[in-house]
Amino acid sequence: MINISDRDTLRTILHQLTPSANALWGKMSPQHAIEHLTISIQVSAGKKTVEQATTREEGEKIKSKLIFSDMAIPQGIISPLVGEGLAELKYNSLVEALTQLELELDYFENHYTENPDAMHVQPRMGLLNHDEWMTMHNKHFTHHLKQFGLDT
């Protein structure tokens, strides 16, 4: 599984993506996946605010399955942040999207260094702390990199 704290390894894997890489499943292009991961980092660091799309009880069940177990994110899961379609691309290129992702990862690290008790809403699970977000991001990055056949 990817560890987003190991930035050198993460960078090496991410830069294996090419704009024309074909997904093994799902609708996302490589740039869509990177921009989607960027948004999830922004949400986890409080830069973007989202509402919980589940009840508190449903969120706790999902959290216990996904955060507190070895369960991987299943293929074909629909993000409540994206829905059925594809989000409009924000950046001009995959390289630009990767650069922005790196900046957001820096912000995420700094945010929790300065605010170690911060908690932010994840749309399915509700409030997550830093350690829970780290588990979520590690699984989420792994999920999308496997989508493009990258060894994690």
N, C-alpha and C. Protein backbone atom coordinates (compact mmCIF):
# COMPACT_ATOMS: atom_id res chain seq x y z
N MET A 1 0.85 -1.18 0.00
CA MET A 1 0.00 0.00 0.00
C MET A 1 0.90 1.24 0.00
N ILE A 2 0.44 2.26 -0.67
CA ILE A 2 1.14 3.54 -0.73
C ILE A 2 1.16 4.16 0.66
N ASN A 3 2.25 4.83 0.97
CA ASN A 3 2.33 5.64 2.18
C ASN A 3 2.60 7.06 1.69
N ILE A 4 1.61 7.93 1.80
CA ILE A 4 1.77 9.28 1.25
C ILE A 4 2.82 10.09 2.00
N SER A 5 3.26 9.62 3.16
CA SER A 5 4.34 10.29 3.88
C SER A 5 5.70 10.03 3.24
N ASP A 6 5.81 8.95 2.50
CA ASP A 6 7.05 8.63 1.78
C ASP A 6 6.98 9.33 0.43
N ARG A 7 7.26 10.61 0.47
CA ARG A 7 7.04 11.46 -0.71
C ARG A 7 7.93 11.10 -1.89
N ASP A 8 9.14 10.63 -1.64
CA ASP A 8 10.01 10.27 -2.76
C ASP A 8 9.44 9.08 -3.53
N THR A 9 9.02 8.06 -2.81
CA THR A 9 8.41 6.89 -3.47
C THR A 9 7.11 7.28 -4.14
N LEU A 10 6.29 8.06 -3.46
CA LEU A 10 5.02 8.51 -4.04
C LEU A 10 5.27 9.27 -5.33
N ARG A 11 6.20 10.20 -5.30
CA ARG A 11 6.52 11.01 -6.48
C ARG A 11 6.99 10.11 -7.64
N THR A 12 7.83 9.13 -7.34
CA THR A 12 8.32 8.21 -8.37
C THR A 12 7.16 7.47 -9.02
N ILE A 13 6.24 6.98 -8.22
CA ILE A 13 5.09 6.23 -8.75
C ILE A 13 4.17 7.16 -9.53
N LEU A 14 3.85 8.32 -8.97
CA LEU A 14 2.93 9.25 -9.64
C LEU A 14 3.47 9.69 -10.99
N HIS A 15 4.77 9.86 -11.09
CA HIS A 15 5.35 10.34 -12.34
C HIS A 15 5.49 9.24 -13.39
N GLN A 16 5.05 8.04 -13.06
CA GLN A 16 4.93 6.98 -14.06
C GLN A 16 3.64 7.13 -14.87
N LEU A 17 2.71 7.91 -14.33
CA LEU A 17 1.45 8.15 -15.05
C LEU A 17 1.72 8.97 -16.30
N THR A 18 1.04 8.61 -17.36
CA THR A 18 1.09 9.41 -18.58
C THR A 18 -0.34 9.82 -18.92
N PRO A 19 -0.51 10.92 -19.64
CA PRO A 19 -1.86 11.37 -19.98
C PRO A 19 -2.67 10.33 -20.75
N SER A 20 -1.98 9.45 -21.48
CA SER A 20 -2.69 8.47 -22.31
C SER A 20 -2.85 7.11 -21.64
N ALA A 21 -2.45 6.98 -20.38
CA ALA A 21 -2.57 5.70 -19.69
C ALA A 21 -4.04 5.27 -19.63
N ASN A 22 -4.26 4.00 -19.90
CA ASN A 22 -5.63 3.46 -19.87
C ASN A 22 -5.93 2.88 -18.50
N ALA A 23 -7.10 3.21 -18.01
CA ALA A 23 -7.55 2.68 -16.71
C ALA A 23 -7.95 1.22 -16.86
N LEU A 24 -7.62 0.43 -15.85
CA LEU A 24 -8.03 -0.97 -15.83
C LEU A 24 -9.50 -1.10 -15.46
N TRP A 25 -10.03 -0.09 -14.80
CA TRP A 25 -11.45 -0.01 -14.47
C TRP A 25 -11.80 1.45 -14.28
N GLY A 26 -13.08 1.76 -14.29
CA GLY A 26 -13.56 3.11 -14.02
C GLY A 26 -13.45 4.04 -15.22
N LYS A 27 -13.97 5.25 -15.03
CA LYS A 27 -14.07 6.24 -16.10
C LYS A 27 -12.97 7.28 -16.07
N MET A 28 -12.25 7.39 -14.95
CA MET A 28 -11.30 8.47 -14.79
C MET A 28 -10.07 8.32 -15.69
N SER A 29 -9.65 9.45 -16.23
CA SER A 29 -8.36 9.52 -16.89
C SER A 29 -7.30 9.70 -15.80
N PRO A 30 -6.02 9.57 -16.14
CA PRO A 30 -5.01 9.84 -15.12
C PRO A 30 -5.15 11.23 -14.51
N GLN A 31 -5.42 12.23 -15.33
CA GLN A 31 -5.56 13.58 -14.78
C GLN A 31 -6.79 13.70 -13.90
N HIS A 32 -7.89 13.06 -14.27
CA HIS A 32 -9.08 13.07 -13.41
C HIS A 32 -8.74 12.46 -12.04
N ALA A 33 -8.02 11.35 -12.05
CA ALA A 33 -7.67 10.68 -10.79
C ALA A 33 -6.80 11.58 -9.92
N ILE A 34 -5.81 12.23 -10.52
CA ILE A 34 -4.91 13.10 -9.76
C ILE A 34 -5.69 14.30 -9.21
N GLU A 35 -6.55 14.88 -10.02
CA GLU A 35 -7.34 16.02 -9.53
C GLU A 35 -8.30 15.59 -8.43
N HIS A 36 -8.85 14.39 -8.55
CA HIS A 36 -9.73 13.84 -7.52
C HIS A 36 -8.96 13.63 -6.21
N LEU A 37 -7.76 13.09 -6.29
CA LEU A 37 -6.93 12.91 -5.10
C LEU A 37 -6.58 14.26 -4.48
N THR A 38 -6.34 15.25 -5.32
CA THR A 38 -6.02 16.60 -4.85
C THR A 38 -7.19 17.16 -4.04
N ILE A 39 -8.40 16.99 -4.54
CA ILE A 39 -9.58 17.48 -3.82
C ILE A 39 -9.71 16.77 -2.48
N SER A 40 -9.45 15.46 -2.46
CA SER A 40 -9.58 14.74 -1.19
C SER A 40 -8.54 15.23 -0.17
N ILE A 41 -7.36 15.59 -0.63
CA ILE A 41 -6.35 16.16 0.27
C ILE A 41 -6.82 17.52 0.78
N GLN A 42 -7.38 18.34 -0.11
CA GLN A 42 -7.90 19.65 0.30
C GLN A 42 -9.00 19.51 1.34
N VAL A 43 -9.89 18.55 1.16
CA VAL A 43 -10.96 18.31 2.12
C VAL A 43 -10.37 17.89 3.47
N SER A 44 -9.40 17.01 3.43
CA SER A 44 -8.82 16.48 4.67
C SER A 44 -8.05 17.53 5.44
N ALA A 45 -7.60 18.59 4.76
CA ALA A 45 -6.85 19.66 5.42
C ALA A 45 -7.73 20.87 5.71
N GLY A 46 -9.02 20.75 5.46
CA GLY A 46 -9.94 21.83 5.77
C GLY A 46 -9.98 22.96 4.75
N LYS A 47 -9.32 22.80 3.62
CA LYS A 47 -9.35 23.84 2.58
C LYS A 47 -10.68 23.85 1.85
N LYS A 48 -11.30 22.69 1.74
CA LYS A 48 -12.63 22.57 1.16
C LYS A 48 -13.50 21.89 2.20
N THR A 49 -14.70 22.41 2.36
CA THR A 49 -15.63 21.84 3.33
C THR A 49 -16.69 21.05 2.60
N VAL A 50 -16.97 19.86 3.10
CA VAL A 50 -18.03 19.02 2.53
C VAL A 50 -18.96 18.59 3.65
N GLU A 51 -20.14 18.22 3.26
CA GLU A 51 -21.12 17.69 4.21
C GLU A 51 -21.00 16.17 4.26
N GLN A 52 -21.35 15.60 5.38
CA GLN A 52 -21.41 14.15 5.48
C GLN A 52 -22.65 13.67 4.73
N ALA A 53 -22.46 12.71 3.84
CA ALA A 53 -23.55 12.20 3.00
C ALA A 53 -24.23 10.98 3.60
N THR A 54 -23.85 10.61 4.81
CA THR A 54 -24.42 9.45 5.49
C THR A 54 -24.87 9.90 6.88
N THR A 55 -25.61 9.03 7.53
CA THR A 55 -25.94 9.29 8.93
C THR A 55 -24.69 9.03 9.78
N ARG A 56 -24.72 9.51 10.99
CA ARG A 56 -23.58 9.28 11.89
C ARG A 56 -23.32 7.79 12.07
N GLU A 57 -24.39 7.01 12.23
CA GLU A 57 -24.27 5.57 12.43
C GLU A 57 -23.70 4.89 11.19
N GLU A 58 -24.18 5.27 10.01
CA GLU A 58 -23.65 4.71 8.76
C GLU A 58 -22.17 5.07 8.62
N GLY A 59 -21.83 6.32 8.93
CA GLY A 59 -20.44 6.76 8.85
C GLY A 59 -19.53 5.96 9.76
N GLU A 60 -19.99 5.69 10.98
CA GLU A 60 -19.18 4.90 11.92
C GLU A 60 -18.97 3.48 11.41
N LYS A 61 -19.99 2.89 10.80
CA LYS A 61 -19.86 1.54 10.24
C LYS A 61 -18.84 1.52 9.11
N ILE A 62 -18.95 2.50 8.23
CA ILE A 62 -18.01 2.58 7.10
C ILE A 62 -16.60 2.80 7.62
N LYS A 63 -16.46 3.68 8.59
CA LYS A 63 -15.14 3.97 9.17
C LYS A 63 -14.55 2.70 9.79
N SER A 64 -15.35 1.94 10.51
CA SER A 64 -14.82 0.73 11.15
C SER A 64 -14.36 -0.28 10.10
N LYS A 65 -15.05 -0.33 8.97
CA LYS A 65 -14.65 -1.26 7.90
C LYS A 65 -13.42 -0.76 7.14
N LEU A 66 -13.40 0.51 6.80
CA LEU A 66 -12.36 1.03 5.92
C LEU A 66 -11.12 1.51 6.66
N ILE A 67 -11.29 2.19 7.76
CA ILE A 67 -10.15 2.76 8.47
C ILE A 67 -9.54 1.74 9.44
N PHE A 68 -10.37 1.00 10.13
CA PHE A 68 -9.87 0.13 11.18
C PHE A 68 -9.82 -1.34 10.76
N SER A 69 -9.56 -1.58 9.48
CA SER A 69 -9.38 -2.94 8.97
C SER A 69 -8.44 -2.88 7.77
N ASP A 70 -8.14 -4.03 7.23
CA ASP A 70 -7.28 -4.10 6.04
C ASP A 70 -8.07 -3.97 4.75
N MET A 71 -9.35 -3.70 4.85
CA MET A 71 -10.20 -3.59 3.67
C MET A 71 -9.66 -2.54 2.70
N ALA A 72 -9.61 -2.90 1.42
CA ALA A 72 -9.23 -1.96 0.37
C ALA A 72 -10.48 -1.26 -0.14
N ILE A 73 -10.29 -0.12 -0.76
CA ILE A 73 -11.41 0.57 -1.40
C ILE A 73 -11.83 -0.26 -2.61
N PRO A 74 -13.10 -0.63 -2.71
CA PRO A 74 -13.52 -1.51 -3.81
C PRO A 74 -13.52 -0.80 -5.16
N GLN A 75 -13.23 -1.57 -6.20
CA GLN A 75 -13.34 -1.05 -7.56
C GLN A 75 -14.78 -0.68 -7.84
N GLY A 76 -14.96 0.40 -8.60
CA GLY A 76 -16.30 0.79 -9.03
C GLY A 76 -17.07 1.63 -8.02
N ILE A 77 -16.49 1.92 -6.88
CA ILE A 77 -17.18 2.73 -5.88
C ILE A 77 -17.37 4.14 -6.45
N ILE A 78 -18.51 4.74 -6.19
CA ILE A 78 -18.82 6.08 -6.69
C ILE A 78 -18.54 7.10 -5.58
N SER A 79 -17.71 8.07 -5.90
CA SER A 79 -17.36 9.11 -4.93
C SER A 79 -18.53 10.07 -4.74
N PRO A 80 -18.90 10.36 -3.49
CA PRO A 80 -19.95 11.36 -3.28
C PRO A 80 -19.49 12.76 -3.70
N LEU A 81 -18.18 12.96 -3.83
CA LEU A 81 -17.67 14.25 -4.29
C LEU A 81 -17.79 14.42 -5.80
N VAL A 82 -17.84 13.30 -6.52
CA VAL A 82 -17.85 13.34 -7.98
C VAL A 82 -19.20 12.93 -8.55
N GLY A 83 -19.80 11.89 -8.00
CA GLY A 83 -21.06 11.37 -8.54
C GLY A 83 -20.79 10.44 -9.71
N GLU A 84 -21.80 10.21 -10.51
CA GLU A 84 -21.71 9.25 -11.61
C GLU A 84 -20.82 9.70 -12.77
N GLY A 85 -20.77 11.00 -13.03
CA GLY A 85 -20.00 11.49 -14.16
C GLY A 85 -18.58 11.82 -13.78
N LEU A 86 -17.91 12.51 -14.68
CA LEU A 86 -16.55 12.97 -14.42
C LEU A 86 -16.56 14.46 -14.13
N ALA A 87 -15.77 14.87 -13.18
CA ALA A 87 -15.64 16.30 -12.89
C ALA A 87 -14.90 16.98 -14.04
N GLU A 88 -15.20 18.23 -14.25
CA GLU A 88 -14.48 19.00 -15.25
C GLU A 88 -13.04 19.18 -14.79
N LEU A 89 -12.10 18.99 -15.71
CA LEU A 89 -10.70 19.15 -15.36
C LEU A 89 -10.40 20.61 -15.03
N LYS A 90 -9.63 20.81 -13.99
CA LYS A 90 -9.31 22.16 -13.52
C LYS A 90 -7.96 22.64 -14.06
N TYR A 91 -7.04 21.72 -14.24
CA TYR A 91 -5.68 22.08 -14.65
C TYR A 91 -5.46 21.81 -16.13
N ASN A 92 -4.47 22.47 -16.70
CA ASN A 92 -4.24 22.39 -18.14
C ASN A 92 -3.55 21.10 -18.58
N SER A 93 -2.93 20.41 -17.64
CA SER A 93 -2.19 19.20 -18.01
C SER A 93 -2.04 18.29 -16.79
N LEU A 94 -1.65 17.07 -17.06
CA LEU A 94 -1.37 16.13 -15.98
C LEU A 94 -0.19 16.63 -15.15
N VAL A 95 0.82 17.18 -15.78
CA VAL A 95 1.98 17.71 -15.06
C VAL A 95 1.55 18.82 -14.10
N GLU A 96 0.70 19.70 -14.56
CA GLU A 96 0.20 20.78 -13.69
C GLU A 96 -0.62 20.21 -12.54
N ALA A 97 -1.43 19.21 -12.83
CA ALA A 97 -2.24 18.57 -11.78
C ALA A 97 -1.34 17.89 -10.74
N LEU A 98 -0.29 17.23 -11.18
CA LEU A 98 0.65 16.58 -10.26
C LEU A 98 1.37 17.61 -9.39
N THR A 99 1.73 18.74 -9.98
CA THR A 99 2.37 19.81 -9.22
C THR A 99 1.44 20.32 -8.13
N GLN A 100 0.17 20.51 -8.47
CA GLN A 100 -0.80 20.98 -7.49
C GLN A 100 -1.01 19.95 -6.39
N LEU A 101 -1.04 18.67 -6.74
CA LEU A 101 -1.18 17.62 -5.74
C LEU A 101 -0.03 17.69 -4.74
N GLU A 102 1.18 17.87 -5.23
CA GLU A 102 2.34 17.97 -4.33
C GLU A 102 2.20 19.17 -3.38
N LEU A 103 1.73 20.30 -3.90
CA LEU A 103 1.52 21.48 -3.06
C LEU A 103 0.47 21.21 -1.99
N GLU A 104 -0.59 20.52 -2.36
CA GLU A 104 -1.65 20.21 -1.39
C GLU A 104 -1.17 19.22 -0.34
N LEU A 105 -0.32 18.28 -0.73
CA LEU A 105 0.25 17.36 0.25
C LEU A 105 1.12 18.11 1.26
N ASP A 106 1.88 19.09 0.77
CA ASP A 106 2.67 19.94 1.68
C ASP A 106 1.75 20.68 2.65
N TYR A 107 0.67 21.25 2.11
CA TYR A 107 -0.28 21.99 2.95
C TYR A 107 -0.88 21.06 4.01
N PHE A 108 -1.28 19.86 3.60
CA PHE A 108 -1.85 18.86 4.50
C PHE A 108 -0.89 18.59 5.66
N GLU A 109 0.38 18.32 5.35
CA GLU A 109 1.37 18.04 6.39
C GLU A 109 1.51 19.23 7.35
N ASN A 110 1.63 20.42 6.79
CA ASN A 110 1.78 21.62 7.62
C ASN A 110 0.54 21.88 8.46
N HIS A 111 -0.63 21.67 7.88
CA HIS A 111 -1.89 21.90 8.59
C HIS A 111 -1.95 21.06 9.87
N TYR A 112 -1.62 19.77 9.76
CA TYR A 112 -1.72 18.90 10.93
C TYR A 112 -0.53 19.06 11.88
N THR A 113 0.59 19.57 11.39
CA THR A 113 1.69 19.91 12.29
C THR A 113 1.28 21.08 13.18
N GLU A 114 0.63 22.06 12.57
CA GLU A 114 0.20 23.24 13.31
C GLU A 114 -1.10 23.03 14.07
N ASN A 115 -1.92 22.07 13.63
CA ASN A 115 -3.24 21.80 14.24
C ASN A 115 -3.40 20.30 14.47
N PRO A 116 -2.63 19.72 15.38
CA PRO A 116 -2.64 18.25 15.52
C PRO A 116 -3.98 17.65 15.94
N ASP A 117 -4.86 18.44 16.51
CA ASP A 117 -6.17 17.94 16.94
C ASP A 117 -7.28 18.24 15.94
N ALA A 118 -6.92 18.78 14.79
CA ALA A 118 -7.93 19.13 13.78
C ALA A 118 -8.65 17.88 13.29
N MET A 119 -9.92 18.06 12.97
CA MET A 119 -10.74 16.99 12.38
C MET A 119 -11.56 17.63 11.27
N HIS A 120 -11.68 16.89 10.16
CA HIS A 120 -12.44 17.40 9.03
C HIS A 120 -13.35 16.28 8.50
N VAL A 121 -14.47 16.68 7.93
CA VAL A 121 -15.48 15.74 7.47
C VAL A 121 -15.05 15.03 6.19
N GLN A 122 -15.14 13.72 6.22
CA GLN A 122 -15.02 12.88 5.03
C GLN A 122 -16.46 12.54 4.66
N PRO A 123 -16.86 12.66 3.39
CA PRO A 123 -18.29 12.58 3.06
C PRO A 123 -19.01 11.28 3.45
N ARG A 124 -18.31 10.17 3.49
CA ARG A 124 -18.97 8.92 3.88
C ARG A 124 -18.82 8.61 5.36
N MET A 125 -17.70 9.02 5.96
CA MET A 125 -17.39 8.58 7.32
C MET A 125 -17.56 9.65 8.39
N GLY A 126 -17.73 10.89 8.00
CA GLY A 126 -17.85 11.96 8.98
C GLY A 126 -16.49 12.48 9.39
N LEU A 127 -16.40 12.98 10.62
CA LEU A 127 -15.15 13.59 11.09
C LEU A 127 -14.04 12.56 11.21
N LEU A 128 -12.88 12.92 10.63
CA LEU A 128 -11.68 12.09 10.74
C LEU A 128 -10.55 12.94 11.30
N ASN A 129 -9.71 12.33 12.11
CA ASN A 129 -8.52 13.00 12.60
C ASN A 129 -7.36 12.72 11.65
N HIS A 130 -6.19 13.24 11.96
CA HIS A 130 -5.03 13.09 11.09
C HIS A 130 -4.72 11.62 10.79
N ASP A 131 -4.64 10.79 11.81
CA ASP A 131 -4.28 9.38 11.59
C ASP A 131 -5.32 8.67 10.73
N GLU A 132 -6.59 8.97 10.96
CA GLU A 132 -7.64 8.36 10.14
C GLU A 132 -7.55 8.84 8.70
N TRP A 133 -7.28 10.14 8.51
CA TRP A 133 -7.10 10.65 7.15
C TRP A 133 -5.90 10.00 6.48
N MET A 134 -4.82 9.79 7.22
CA MET A 134 -3.64 9.14 6.63
C MET A 134 -4.00 7.76 6.12
N THR A 135 -4.72 6.99 6.92
CA THR A 135 -5.14 5.66 6.48
C THR A 135 -6.01 5.77 5.24
N MET A 136 -6.96 6.71 5.27
CA MET A 136 -7.85 6.90 4.13
C MET A 136 -7.05 7.28 2.88
N HIS A 137 -6.15 8.25 3.00
CA HIS A 137 -5.37 8.68 1.84
C HIS A 137 -4.48 7.55 1.32
N ASN A 138 -3.85 6.82 2.21
CA ASN A 138 -3.00 5.72 1.75
C ASN A 138 -3.81 4.71 0.95
N LYS A 139 -4.99 4.38 1.42
CA LYS A 139 -5.85 3.45 0.69
C LYS A 139 -6.39 4.07 -0.60
N HIS A 140 -6.72 5.36 -0.55
CA HIS A 140 -7.30 6.05 -1.70
C HIS A 140 -6.26 6.19 -2.82
N PHE A 141 -5.05 6.61 -2.47
CA PHE A 141 -3.98 6.70 -3.47
C PHE A 141 -3.68 5.33 -4.06
N THR A 142 -3.60 4.32 -3.20
CA THR A 142 -3.35 2.95 -3.67
C THR A 142 -4.43 2.53 -4.66
N HIS A 143 -5.68 2.78 -4.33
CA HIS A 143 -6.82 2.44 -5.19
C HIS A 143 -6.65 3.05 -6.58
N HIS A 144 -6.37 4.35 -6.64
CA HIS A 144 -6.30 5.01 -7.94
C HIS A 144 -5.03 4.68 -8.70
N LEU A 145 -3.95 4.42 -8.02
CA LEU A 145 -2.74 4.01 -8.74
C LEU A 145 -2.89 2.60 -9.30
N LYS A 146 -3.54 1.72 -8.55
CA LYS A 146 -3.82 0.39 -9.08
C LYS A 146 -4.77 0.47 -10.28
N GLN A 147 -5.64 1.47 -10.27
CA GLN A 147 -6.56 1.68 -11.39
C GLN A 147 -5.78 1.82 -12.70
N PHE A 148 -4.57 2.34 -12.61
CA PHE A 148 -3.74 2.53 -13.80
C PHE A 148 -2.57 1.56 -13.86
N GLY A 149 -2.70 0.47 -13.10
CA GLY A 149 -1.71 -0.60 -13.17
C GLY A 149 -0.37 -0.28 -12.56
N LEU A 150 -0.33 0.75 -11.72
CA LEU A 150 0.94 1.10 -11.09
C LEU A 150 1.13 0.29 -9.82
N ASP A 151 2.29 -0.28 -9.70
CA ASP A 151 2.62 -1.13 -8.56
C ASP A 151 2.76 -0.28 -7.32
N THR A 152 1.96 -0.61 -6.32
CA THR A 152 2.00 0.15 -5.08
C THR A 152 2.52 -0.74 -3.98
